[in-house]
């Protein structure tokens, strides 16, 4: 893969037979920017869930005892 991408940045792995082919020949058009934003948004969602979970699991503050 490294050798082929050094020759041309338009190489990719064919999932059907495992060979390295030109993505234009396979008609695979992929956008790195889309993947980058999807990963950023996924991480943001996970961090938000973890923060909310941390708030829920925290001990109650020292207020008056209602029992």
Protein backbone atom coordinates (compact mmCIF):
# COMPACT_ATOMS: atom_id res chain seq x y z
CA UNK A 1 0.00 0.00 0.00
CA UNK A 2 2.80 2.43 0.90
CA UNK A 3 4.58 1.82 -2.39
CA UNK A 4 1.44 2.30 -4.46
CA UNK A 5 0.35 5.47 -2.64
CA UNK A 6 3.85 6.89 -3.11
CA UNK A 7 3.33 6.50 -6.84
CA UNK A 8 -0.18 7.93 -6.78
CA UNK A 9 -2.40 9.23 -4.00
CA UNK A 10 -5.40 7.68 -5.70
CA UNK A 11 -4.82 4.09 -4.62
CA UNK A 12 -7.03 2.08 -2.30
CA UNK A 13 -7.66 -1.47 -1.19
CA UNK A 14 -10.37 -3.36 -3.02
CA UNK A 15 -12.50 -5.15 -0.41
CA UNK A 16 -13.68 -7.72 -2.94
CA UNK A 17 -10.31 -9.31 -3.69
CA UNK A 18 -7.84 -7.54 -1.36
CA UNK A 19 -5.72 -6.05 -4.11
CA UNK A 20 -4.58 -2.45 -4.42
CA UNK A 21 -6.29 -0.60 -7.24
CA UNK A 22 -6.89 2.89 -8.52
CA UNK A 23 -9.97 4.30 -6.78
CA UNK A 24 -11.11 5.98 -10.00
CA UNK A 25 -11.23 2.58 -11.72
CA UNK A 26 -13.26 1.16 -8.82
CA UNK A 27 -15.47 4.28 -8.87
CA UNK A 28 -14.97 4.89 -5.15
CA UNK A 29 -15.19 8.55 -4.28
CA UNK A 30 -14.55 9.22 -0.64
CA UNK A 31 -14.22 12.50 1.18
CA UNK A 32 -11.76 12.76 4.07
CA UNK A 33 -13.46 15.91 5.34
CA UNK A 34 -16.71 14.00 5.92
CA UNK A 35 -14.92 11.28 7.89
CA UNK A 36 -13.03 13.88 9.91
CA UNK A 37 -16.21 15.70 10.96
CA UNK A 38 -18.00 12.43 11.72
CA UNK A 39 -15.17 11.41 14.04
CA UNK A 40 -15.12 14.83 15.75
CA UNK A 41 -18.88 14.77 16.33
CA UNK A 42 -18.74 11.19 17.60
CA UNK A 43 -16.06 12.10 20.15
CA UNK A 44 -18.10 15.13 21.25
CA UNK A 45 -21.16 12.93 21.78
CA UNK A 46 -19.18 10.39 23.81
CA UNK A 47 -17.63 13.10 25.98
CA UNK A 48 -21.05 14.64 26.62
CA UNK A 49 -22.46 11.27 27.69
CA UNK A 50 -19.50 10.70 30.00
CA UNK A 51 -19.92 14.14 31.58
CA UNK A 52 -23.64 13.59 32.19
CA UNK A 53 -22.94 10.14 33.64
CA UNK A 54 -20.31 11.63 35.93
CA UNK A 55 -22.82 14.21 37.22
CA UNK A 56 -25.47 11.55 37.84
CA UNK A 57 -23.04 9.23 39.65
CA UNK A 58 -21.57 11.96 41.89
CA UNK A 59 -22.43 11.97 45.58
CA UNK A 60 -25.19 14.31 46.68
CA UNK A 61 -24.00 17.54 48.23
CA UNK A 62 -24.12 18.05 51.99
CA UNK A 63 -27.59 19.49 52.46
CA UNK A 64 -30.17 18.78 55.14
CA UNK A 65 -31.06 15.12 55.75
CA UNK A 66 -34.72 14.59 54.78
CA UNK A 67 -35.21 11.21 56.49
